[in-house]
Amino acid sequence: MKPLALDSSHTRMSGVFYPTGHVFALFPTADLARQAADALDAAGDRAESAYASPEVIQKDIVRTIGGSDAVMPSVGADGDFVRRIADLASKGHHGLLVEVGKGDDAEALGATLQREGAVAAFYYRTLVIEDLIEQPLTAAKQSVTVGTHAAAPQPDDR
């Protein structure tokens, strides 16, 4: 595992973090990130991974949304994903950037990362970012979904 060195191949033209063909996963500790990299290396079919400490994430990745939102808004949700990454990094989470090969199964990769302790994993495809680890509903989301009458089926709705 090498240290993350952000370059232009990891960003969109607007400068926002978007490492096409990679998964960026976040772990509560550096040890879990290293364990995940070791597990992927042991599988033998993964390209090299890159580690990012919370400080590197804040300094290199989070800064990519600094001025781009005001000057040239990012298309899609890339800025939102960077903000999610920033939130986790601010809580001490560590990152692992993993290259995904053409024959790799993204869902299996996400399952492996989650099994190794990842709390989030984002697969950056050419036109879409796929969230590989389903996030549990927060209390606020649950009350909105459960607490609405419009969402409940009515006896006459058949």
N, C-alpha and C. Protein backbone atom coordinates (compact mmCIF):
# COMPACT_ATOMS: atom_id res chain seq x y z
N MET A 1 0.86 -1.18 0.00
CA MET A 1 0.00 0.00 0.00
C MET A 1 0.90 1.23 0.00
N LYS A 2 0.61 2.10 -0.93
CA LYS A 2 1.39 3.33 -1.02
C LYS A 2 0.58 4.49 -0.46
N PRO A 3 1.22 5.62 -0.16
CA PRO A 3 0.46 6.80 0.29
C PRO A 3 -0.27 7.44 -0.89
N LEU A 4 -1.43 8.00 -0.62
CA LEU A 4 -2.21 8.66 -1.67
C LEU A 4 -1.47 9.91 -2.14
N ALA A 5 -1.29 10.00 -3.44
CA ALA A 5 -0.72 11.19 -4.06
C ALA A 5 -1.73 11.66 -5.10
N LEU A 6 -2.54 12.62 -4.71
CA LEU A 6 -3.62 13.11 -5.58
C LEU A 6 -3.01 13.80 -6.80
N ASP A 7 -3.52 13.44 -7.99
CA ASP A 7 -3.09 14.11 -9.21
C ASP A 7 -4.31 14.36 -10.09
N SER A 8 -4.10 14.92 -11.26
CA SER A 8 -5.22 15.31 -12.12
C SER A 8 -6.06 14.12 -12.58
N SER A 9 -5.52 12.90 -12.55
CA SER A 9 -6.31 11.74 -12.94
C SER A 9 -7.36 11.39 -11.88
N HIS A 10 -7.27 12.02 -10.72
CA HIS A 10 -8.22 11.77 -9.63
C HIS A 10 -9.29 12.85 -9.53
N THR A 11 -9.33 13.77 -10.49
CA THR A 11 -10.30 14.86 -10.43
C THR A 11 -10.99 15.05 -11.78
N ARG A 12 -12.14 15.72 -11.72
CA ARG A 12 -12.85 16.13 -12.95
C ARG A 12 -12.16 17.37 -13.50
N MET A 13 -12.59 17.81 -14.67
CA MET A 13 -12.03 19.04 -15.26
C MET A 13 -12.25 20.23 -14.34
N SER A 14 -13.33 20.20 -13.57
CA SER A 14 -13.62 21.30 -12.66
C SER A 14 -12.71 21.27 -11.43
N GLY A 15 -11.97 20.17 -11.26
CA GLY A 15 -11.05 20.05 -10.14
C GLY A 15 -11.59 19.27 -8.96
N VAL A 16 -12.86 18.85 -9.01
CA VAL A 16 -13.49 18.12 -7.91
C VAL A 16 -13.00 16.66 -7.91
N PHE A 17 -12.74 16.12 -6.73
CA PHE A 17 -12.29 14.74 -6.57
C PHE A 17 -13.25 13.79 -7.26
N TYR A 18 -12.73 13.01 -8.21
CA TYR A 18 -13.53 12.04 -8.95
C TYR A 18 -12.56 11.05 -9.60
N PRO A 19 -12.08 10.07 -8.81
CA PRO A 19 -11.10 9.12 -9.34
C PRO A 19 -11.76 7.99 -10.14
N THR A 20 -12.10 8.28 -11.38
CA THR A 20 -12.80 7.31 -12.23
C THR A 20 -12.07 5.97 -12.24
N GLY A 21 -12.87 4.90 -12.08
CA GLY A 21 -12.31 3.56 -12.09
C GLY A 21 -11.72 3.13 -10.76
N HIS A 22 -12.05 3.86 -9.70
CA HIS A 22 -11.53 3.55 -8.37
C HIS A 22 -12.67 3.49 -7.35
N VAL A 23 -12.40 2.81 -6.25
CA VAL A 23 -13.26 2.85 -5.08
C VAL A 23 -12.49 3.60 -4.00
N PHE A 24 -13.17 4.55 -3.37
CA PHE A 24 -12.59 5.23 -2.21
C PHE A 24 -13.39 4.79 -1.00
N ALA A 25 -12.71 4.11 -0.07
CA ALA A 25 -13.36 3.58 1.13
C ALA A 25 -12.83 4.29 2.36
N LEU A 26 -13.68 4.39 3.38
CA LEU A 26 -13.29 5.05 4.62
C LEU A 26 -13.45 4.09 5.79
N PHE A 27 -12.46 4.14 6.70
CA PHE A 27 -12.37 3.24 7.84
C PHE A 27 -12.16 4.06 9.11
N PRO A 28 -12.69 3.57 10.25
CA PRO A 28 -12.54 4.30 11.50
C PRO A 28 -11.09 4.40 12.00
N THR A 29 -10.23 3.44 11.60
CA THR A 29 -8.83 3.47 12.05
C THR A 29 -7.88 3.17 10.89
N ALA A 30 -6.63 3.57 11.08
CA ALA A 30 -5.60 3.28 10.08
C ALA A 30 -5.36 1.78 9.99
N ASP A 31 -5.41 1.09 11.14
CA ASP A 31 -5.19 -0.36 11.14
C ASP A 31 -6.22 -1.09 10.28
N LEU A 32 -7.49 -0.67 10.37
CA LEU A 32 -8.52 -1.32 9.55
C LEU A 32 -8.28 -1.06 8.06
N ALA A 33 -7.86 0.14 7.72
CA ALA A 33 -7.56 0.45 6.31
C ALA A 33 -6.41 -0.42 5.82
N ARG A 34 -5.39 -0.58 6.64
CA ARG A 34 -4.24 -1.42 6.26
C ARG A 34 -4.65 -2.89 6.16
N GLN A 35 -5.48 -3.35 7.08
CA GLN A 35 -5.98 -4.73 7.02
C GLN A 35 -6.75 -4.97 5.73
N ALA A 36 -7.57 -4.01 5.34
CA ALA A 36 -8.34 -4.14 4.10
C ALA A 36 -7.41 -4.20 2.89
N ALA A 37 -6.38 -3.35 2.88
CA ALA A 37 -5.41 -3.38 1.78
C ALA A 37 -4.71 -4.73 1.73
N ASP A 38 -4.35 -5.26 2.90
CA ASP A 38 -3.69 -6.57 2.95
C ASP A 38 -4.64 -7.66 2.44
N ALA A 39 -5.91 -7.59 2.83
CA ALA A 39 -6.88 -8.59 2.37
C ALA A 39 -7.05 -8.53 0.85
N LEU A 40 -7.06 -7.33 0.29
CA LEU A 40 -7.19 -7.19 -1.16
C LEU A 40 -5.93 -7.69 -1.85
N ASP A 41 -4.76 -7.39 -1.27
CA ASP A 41 -3.50 -7.88 -1.84
C ASP A 41 -3.44 -9.41 -1.81
N ALA A 42 -3.91 -9.99 -0.71
CA ALA A 42 -3.90 -11.45 -0.56
C ALA A 42 -4.79 -12.11 -1.61
N ALA A 43 -5.86 -11.42 -2.00
CA ALA A 43 -6.74 -11.96 -3.04
C ALA A 43 -6.00 -12.05 -4.37
N GLY A 44 -5.00 -11.19 -4.55
CA GLY A 44 -4.13 -11.27 -5.71
C GLY A 44 -4.66 -10.68 -7.00
N ASP A 45 -5.88 -10.23 -7.04
CA ASP A 45 -6.42 -9.73 -8.30
C ASP A 45 -6.71 -8.23 -8.27
N ARG A 46 -6.15 -7.52 -7.34
CA ARG A 46 -6.39 -6.08 -7.24
C ARG A 46 -5.13 -5.30 -7.57
N ALA A 47 -5.31 -4.16 -8.15
CA ALA A 47 -4.20 -3.25 -8.38
C ALA A 47 -3.78 -2.67 -7.03
N GLU A 48 -2.71 -1.97 -7.03
CA GLU A 48 -2.20 -1.38 -5.80
C GLU A 48 -3.20 -0.39 -5.20
N SER A 49 -3.22 -0.33 -3.89
CA SER A 49 -4.11 0.60 -3.20
C SER A 49 -3.28 1.73 -2.60
N ALA A 50 -3.96 2.83 -2.30
CA ALA A 50 -3.29 4.00 -1.73
C ALA A 50 -4.02 4.43 -0.46
N TYR A 51 -3.24 4.70 0.58
CA TYR A 51 -3.76 5.07 1.89
C TYR A 51 -3.76 6.59 2.07
N ALA A 52 -4.82 7.10 2.71
CA ALA A 52 -4.91 8.53 3.02
C ALA A 52 -5.34 8.71 4.48
N SER A 53 -4.52 9.40 5.24
CA SER A 53 -4.88 9.72 6.63
C SER A 53 -5.98 10.78 6.63
N PRO A 54 -6.64 10.98 7.76
CA PRO A 54 -7.67 12.03 7.81
C PRO A 54 -7.10 13.41 7.42
N GLU A 55 -5.85 13.66 7.80
CA GLU A 55 -5.23 14.94 7.46
C GLU A 55 -5.01 15.08 5.95
N VAL A 56 -4.58 14.01 5.31
CA VAL A 56 -4.38 14.04 3.86
C VAL A 56 -5.72 14.19 3.15
N ILE A 57 -6.74 13.51 3.64
CA ILE A 57 -8.07 13.65 3.04
C ILE A 57 -8.52 15.10 3.10
N GLN A 58 -8.37 15.72 4.27
CA GLN A 58 -8.79 17.13 4.43
C GLN A 58 -7.95 18.05 3.54
N LYS A 59 -6.65 17.81 3.52
CA LYS A 59 -5.74 18.71 2.79
C LYS A 59 -5.86 18.54 1.27
N ASP A 60 -5.96 17.31 0.80
CA ASP A 60 -5.91 17.07 -0.64
C ASP A 60 -7.28 16.85 -1.30
N ILE A 61 -8.14 16.04 -0.69
CA ILE A 61 -9.41 15.69 -1.32
C ILE A 61 -10.47 16.75 -1.04
N VAL A 62 -10.64 17.12 0.21
CA VAL A 62 -11.71 18.06 0.57
C VAL A 62 -11.49 19.42 -0.08
N ARG A 63 -10.26 19.83 -0.22
CA ARG A 63 -9.98 21.14 -0.83
C ARG A 63 -10.42 21.21 -2.30
N THR A 64 -10.68 20.05 -2.92
CA THR A 64 -11.08 20.07 -4.34
C THR A 64 -12.46 20.68 -4.56
N ILE A 65 -13.27 20.80 -3.52
CA ILE A 65 -14.57 21.47 -3.68
C ILE A 65 -14.51 22.92 -3.23
N GLY A 66 -13.34 23.36 -2.79
CA GLY A 66 -13.17 24.72 -2.26
C GLY A 66 -13.78 25.81 -3.11
N GLY A 67 -13.24 26.07 -4.27
CA GLY A 67 -13.75 27.15 -5.09
C GLY A 67 -14.58 26.70 -6.26
N SER A 68 -14.59 25.40 -6.51
CA SER A 68 -15.27 24.94 -7.73
C SER A 68 -16.78 25.09 -7.66
N ASP A 69 -17.36 25.03 -6.46
CA ASP A 69 -18.81 25.17 -6.37
C ASP A 69 -19.25 26.57 -6.76
N ALA A 70 -18.44 27.57 -6.46
CA ALA A 70 -18.82 28.94 -6.76
C ALA A 70 -18.54 29.30 -8.22
N VAL A 71 -17.42 28.83 -8.76
CA VAL A 71 -17.03 29.21 -10.11
C VAL A 71 -17.67 28.30 -11.15
N MET A 72 -17.49 27.00 -11.00
CA MET A 72 -18.01 26.04 -11.97
C MET A 72 -18.65 24.89 -11.19
N PRO A 73 -19.95 24.92 -10.99
CA PRO A 73 -20.59 23.87 -10.18
C PRO A 73 -20.33 22.49 -10.76
N SER A 74 -20.16 21.52 -9.88
CA SER A 74 -19.93 20.16 -10.34
C SER A 74 -21.25 19.58 -10.82
N VAL A 75 -21.15 18.79 -11.89
CA VAL A 75 -22.33 18.14 -12.42
C VAL A 75 -22.57 16.90 -11.58
N GLY A 76 -23.83 16.64 -11.23
CA GLY A 76 -24.13 15.46 -10.44
C GLY A 76 -23.80 15.65 -8.97
N ALA A 77 -23.49 14.55 -8.33
CA ALA A 77 -23.34 14.55 -6.88
C ALA A 77 -21.90 14.48 -6.41
N ASP A 78 -20.91 14.71 -7.29
CA ASP A 78 -19.53 14.55 -6.86
C ASP A 78 -19.17 15.44 -5.67
N GLY A 79 -19.66 16.68 -5.66
CA GLY A 79 -19.41 17.56 -4.53
C GLY A 79 -20.03 17.04 -3.25
N ASP A 80 -21.23 16.45 -3.36
CA ASP A 80 -21.90 15.88 -2.19
C ASP A 80 -21.10 14.71 -1.62
N PHE A 81 -20.53 13.88 -2.49
CA PHE A 81 -19.73 12.76 -2.02
C PHE A 81 -18.46 13.26 -1.33
N VAL A 82 -17.85 14.30 -1.86
CA VAL A 82 -16.66 14.86 -1.21
C VAL A 82 -17.04 15.41 0.17
N ARG A 83 -18.21 16.01 0.28
CA ARG A 83 -18.65 16.51 1.59
C ARG A 83 -18.87 15.35 2.58
N ARG A 84 -19.39 14.23 2.09
CA ARG A 84 -19.55 13.05 2.96
C ARG A 84 -18.18 12.53 3.40
N ILE A 85 -17.23 12.51 2.48
CA ILE A 85 -15.86 12.10 2.80
C ILE A 85 -15.27 13.06 3.83
N ALA A 86 -15.49 14.37 3.64
CA ALA A 86 -14.98 15.38 4.57
C ALA A 86 -15.56 15.16 5.96
N ASP A 87 -16.84 14.86 6.04
CA ASP A 87 -17.48 14.64 7.33
C ASP A 87 -16.84 13.46 8.06
N LEU A 88 -16.62 12.37 7.36
CA LEU A 88 -16.01 11.19 7.98
C LEU A 88 -14.55 11.46 8.36
N ALA A 89 -13.82 12.15 7.49
CA ALA A 89 -12.41 12.47 7.80
C ALA A 89 -12.32 13.38 9.01
N SER A 90 -13.27 14.31 9.15
CA SER A 90 -13.25 15.21 10.30
C SER A 90 -13.51 14.45 11.61
N LYS A 91 -14.08 13.25 11.49
CA LYS A 91 -14.32 12.40 12.66
C LYS A 91 -13.19 11.38 12.85
N GLY A 92 -12.11 11.53 12.06
CA GLY A 92 -10.94 10.67 12.22
C GLY A 92 -10.87 9.46 11.32
N HIS A 93 -11.74 9.36 10.31
CA HIS A 93 -11.71 8.21 9.42
C HIS A 93 -10.56 8.30 8.43
N HIS A 94 -10.04 7.13 8.07
CA HIS A 94 -8.90 6.99 7.16
C HIS A 94 -9.41 6.46 5.82
N GLY A 95 -8.72 6.82 4.73
CA GLY A 95 -9.17 6.43 3.40
C GLY A 95 -8.28 5.42 2.72
N LEU A 96 -8.88 4.68 1.82
CA LEU A 96 -8.17 3.71 0.99
C LEU A 96 -8.72 3.84 -0.43
N LEU A 97 -7.84 4.16 -1.37
CA LEU A 97 -8.22 4.28 -2.78
C LEU A 97 -7.78 3.01 -3.48
N VAL A 98 -8.74 2.32 -4.11
CA VAL A 98 -8.47 1.04 -4.74
C VAL A 98 -8.87 1.10 -6.21
N GLU A 99 -7.94 0.75 -7.08
CA GLU A 99 -8.25 0.72 -8.50
C GLU A 99 -9.13 -0.50 -8.79
N VAL A 100 -10.14 -0.31 -9.64
CA VAL A 100 -11.07 -1.39 -10.00
C VAL A 100 -10.79 -1.77 -11.45
N GLY A 101 -10.49 -3.05 -11.66
CA GLY A 101 -10.23 -3.54 -13.01
C GLY A 101 -11.53 -3.80 -13.75
N LYS A 102 -11.45 -3.94 -15.06
CA LYS A 102 -12.65 -4.15 -15.88
C LYS A 102 -13.40 -5.41 -15.48
N GLY A 103 -12.72 -6.46 -15.07
CA GLY A 103 -13.37 -7.71 -14.71
C GLY A 103 -13.75 -7.82 -13.24
N ASP A 104 -13.45 -6.80 -12.46
CA ASP A 104 -13.74 -6.84 -11.03
C ASP A 104 -15.23 -6.67 -10.75
N ASP A 105 -15.69 -7.32 -9.72
CA ASP A 105 -17.08 -7.23 -9.27
C ASP A 105 -17.14 -6.18 -8.17
N ALA A 106 -17.73 -5.03 -8.47
CA ALA A 106 -17.77 -3.91 -7.52
C ALA A 106 -18.52 -4.28 -6.25
N GLU A 107 -19.61 -5.05 -6.38
CA GLU A 107 -20.37 -5.44 -5.19
C GLU A 107 -19.55 -6.34 -4.28
N ALA A 108 -18.79 -7.27 -4.87
CA ALA A 108 -17.93 -8.16 -4.07
C ALA A 108 -16.82 -7.35 -3.40
N LEU A 109 -16.28 -6.39 -4.13
CA LEU A 109 -15.25 -5.51 -3.55
C LEU A 109 -15.83 -4.72 -2.38
N GLY A 110 -17.02 -4.18 -2.55
CA GLY A 110 -17.68 -3.44 -1.48
C GLY A 110 -17.93 -4.33 -0.27
N ALA A 111 -18.35 -5.57 -0.51
CA ALA A 111 -18.61 -6.51 0.59
C ALA A 111 -17.31 -6.82 1.33
N THR A 112 -16.23 -6.99 0.60
CA THR A 112 -14.93 -7.25 1.24
C THR A 112 -14.50 -6.06 2.08
N LEU A 113 -14.62 -4.86 1.52
CA LEU A 113 -14.23 -3.66 2.26
C LEU A 113 -15.08 -3.51 3.52
N GLN A 114 -16.38 -3.76 3.41
CA GLN A 114 -17.26 -3.66 4.58
C GLN A 114 -16.89 -4.71 5.62
N ARG A 115 -16.62 -5.91 5.18
CA ARG A 115 -16.23 -6.98 6.09
C ARG A 115 -14.93 -6.62 6.83
N GLU A 116 -14.07 -5.86 6.17
CA GLU A 116 -12.79 -5.45 6.77
C GLU A 116 -12.94 -4.19 7.62
N GLY A 117 -14.16 -3.63 7.71
CA GLY A 117 -14.39 -2.51 8.62
C GLY A 117 -14.71 -1.18 7.97
N ALA A 118 -14.84 -1.13 6.64
CA ALA A 118 -15.18 0.13 5.97
C ALA A 118 -16.58 0.58 6.37
N VAL A 119 -16.74 1.87 6.61
CA VAL A 119 -18.06 2.42 6.93
C VAL A 119 -18.69 3.07 5.70
N ALA A 120 -17.88 3.32 4.68
CA ALA A 120 -18.37 3.89 3.42
C ALA A 120 -17.41 3.47 2.32
N ALA A 121 -17.94 3.26 1.12
CA ALA A 121 -17.12 2.93 -0.04
C ALA A 121 -17.84 3.45 -1.28
N PHE A 122 -17.15 4.29 -2.03
CA PHE A 122 -17.75 4.93 -3.20
C PHE A 122 -17.01 4.48 -4.46
N TYR A 123 -17.75 3.90 -5.39
CA TYR A 123 -17.18 3.45 -6.66
C TYR A 123 -17.41 4.54 -7.70
N TYR A 124 -16.34 5.12 -8.17
CA TYR A 124 -16.40 6.21 -9.15
C TYR A 124 -16.35 5.62 -10.56
N ARG A 125 -17.53 5.46 -11.14
CA ARG A 125 -17.64 5.00 -12.53
C ARG A 125 -17.53 6.22 -13.44
N THR A 126 -17.55 6.00 -14.74
CA THR A 126 -17.40 7.11 -15.68
C THR A 126 -18.46 8.19 -15.49
N LEU A 127 -19.70 7.83 -15.35
CA LEU A 127 -20.77 8.82 -15.26
C LEU A 127 -21.55 8.82 -13.95
N VAL A 128 -21.22 7.92 -13.04
CA VAL A 128 -22.00 7.81 -11.81
C VAL A 128 -21.10 7.35 -10.65
N ILE A 129 -21.46 7.78 -9.46
CA ILE A 129 -20.78 7.32 -8.25
C ILE A 129 -21.73 6.36 -7.55
N GLU A 130 -21.25 5.15 -7.31
CA GLU A 130 -22.07 4.12 -6.67
C GLU A 130 -21.64 3.97 -5.21
N ASP A 131 -22.60 4.07 -4.32
CA ASP A 131 -22.36 3.89 -2.89
C ASP A 131 -22.41 2.39 -2.62
N LEU A 132 -21.27 1.76 -2.34
CA LEU A 132 -21.20 0.30 -2.21
C LEU A 132 -21.62 -0.22 -0.84
N ILE A 133 -21.67 0.66 0.16
CA ILE A 133 -22.06 0.24 1.52
C ILE A 133 -23.31 1.00 1.91
N GLU A 134 -24.39 0.26 2.06
CA GLU A 134 -25.66 0.89 2.42
C GLU A 134 -25.56 1.48 3.82
N GLN A 135 -25.97 2.73 3.93
CA GLN A 135 -25.91 3.42 5.21
C GLN A 135 -27.19 3.19 5.98
N PRO A 136 -27.08 2.95 7.30
CA PRO A 136 -28.29 2.77 8.10
C PRO A 136 -29.07 4.08 8.15
N LEU A 137 -30.38 3.96 8.27
CA LEU A 137 -31.22 5.15 8.37
C LEU A 137 -30.97 5.84 9.70
N THR A 138 -30.86 7.15 9.64
CA THR A 138 -30.73 7.90 10.89
C THR A 138 -32.12 8.10 11.47
N ALA A 139 -32.20 8.51 12.71
CA ALA A 139 -33.49 8.74 13.36
C ALA A 139 -34.31 9.78 12.60
N ALA A 140 -33.63 10.81 12.08
CA ALA A 140 -34.35 11.86 11.34
C ALA A 140 -34.95 11.30 10.06
N LYS A 141 -34.20 10.47 9.34
CA LYS A 141 -34.72 9.88 8.11
C LYS A 141 -35.85 8.91 8.41
N GLN A 142 -35.72 8.15 9.49
CA GLN A 142 -36.76 7.19 9.84
C GLN A 142 -38.05 7.90 10.18
N SER A 143 -37.98 9.01 10.91
CA SER A 143 -39.21 9.69 11.30
C SER A 143 -39.90 10.31 10.09
N VAL A 144 -39.14 10.76 9.11
CA VAL A 144 -39.74 11.32 7.91
C VAL A 144 -40.42 10.22 7.11
N THR A 145 -39.76 9.09 6.96
CA THR A 145 -40.32 8.02 6.15
C THR A 145 -41.49 7.35 6.85
N VAL A 146 -41.34 7.07 8.12
CA VAL A 146 -42.36 6.36 8.86
C VAL A 146 -43.50 7.27 9.26
N GLY A 147 -43.19 8.54 9.50
CA GLY A 147 -44.19 9.43 10.06
C GLY A 147 -45.12 10.09 9.06
N THR A 148 -45.03 9.78 7.78
CA THR A 148 -45.92 10.41 6.81
C THR A 148 -47.11 9.53 6.51
N HIS A 149 -48.25 10.12 6.43
CA HIS A 149 -49.46 9.38 6.10
C HIS A 149 -49.54 9.10 4.61
N ALA A 150 -48.93 9.96 3.80
CA ALA A 150 -49.00 9.79 2.36
C ALA A 150 -48.32 8.49 1.93
N ALA A 151 -47.28 8.06 2.67
CA ALA A 151 -46.56 6.86 2.29
C ALA A 151 -47.29 5.58 2.70
N ALA A 152 -48.20 5.69 3.65
CA ALA A 152 -48.92 4.50 4.13
C ALA A 152 -50.02 4.13 3.13
N PRO A 153 -50.12 2.84 2.78
CA PRO A 153 -51.19 2.45 1.86
C PRO A 153 -52.56 2.64 2.50
N GLN A 154 -53.46 3.13 1.73
CA GLN A 154 -54.83 3.38 2.19
C GLN A 154 -55.70 2.19 1.78
N PRO A 155 -56.74 1.88 2.52
CA PRO A 155 -57.60 0.72 2.19
C PRO A 155 -58.16 0.80 0.78
N ASP A 156 -58.40 2.00 0.24
CA ASP A 156 -58.99 2.13 -1.09
C ASP A 156 -57.96 2.05 -2.20
N ASP A 157 -56.64 2.09 -1.85
CA ASP A 157 -55.57 2.04 -2.87
C ASP A 157 -55.26 0.60 -3.24
N ARG A 158 -55.89 0.12 -4.29
CA ARG A 158 -55.61 -1.26 -4.73
C ARG A 158 -55.24 -1.29 -6.15
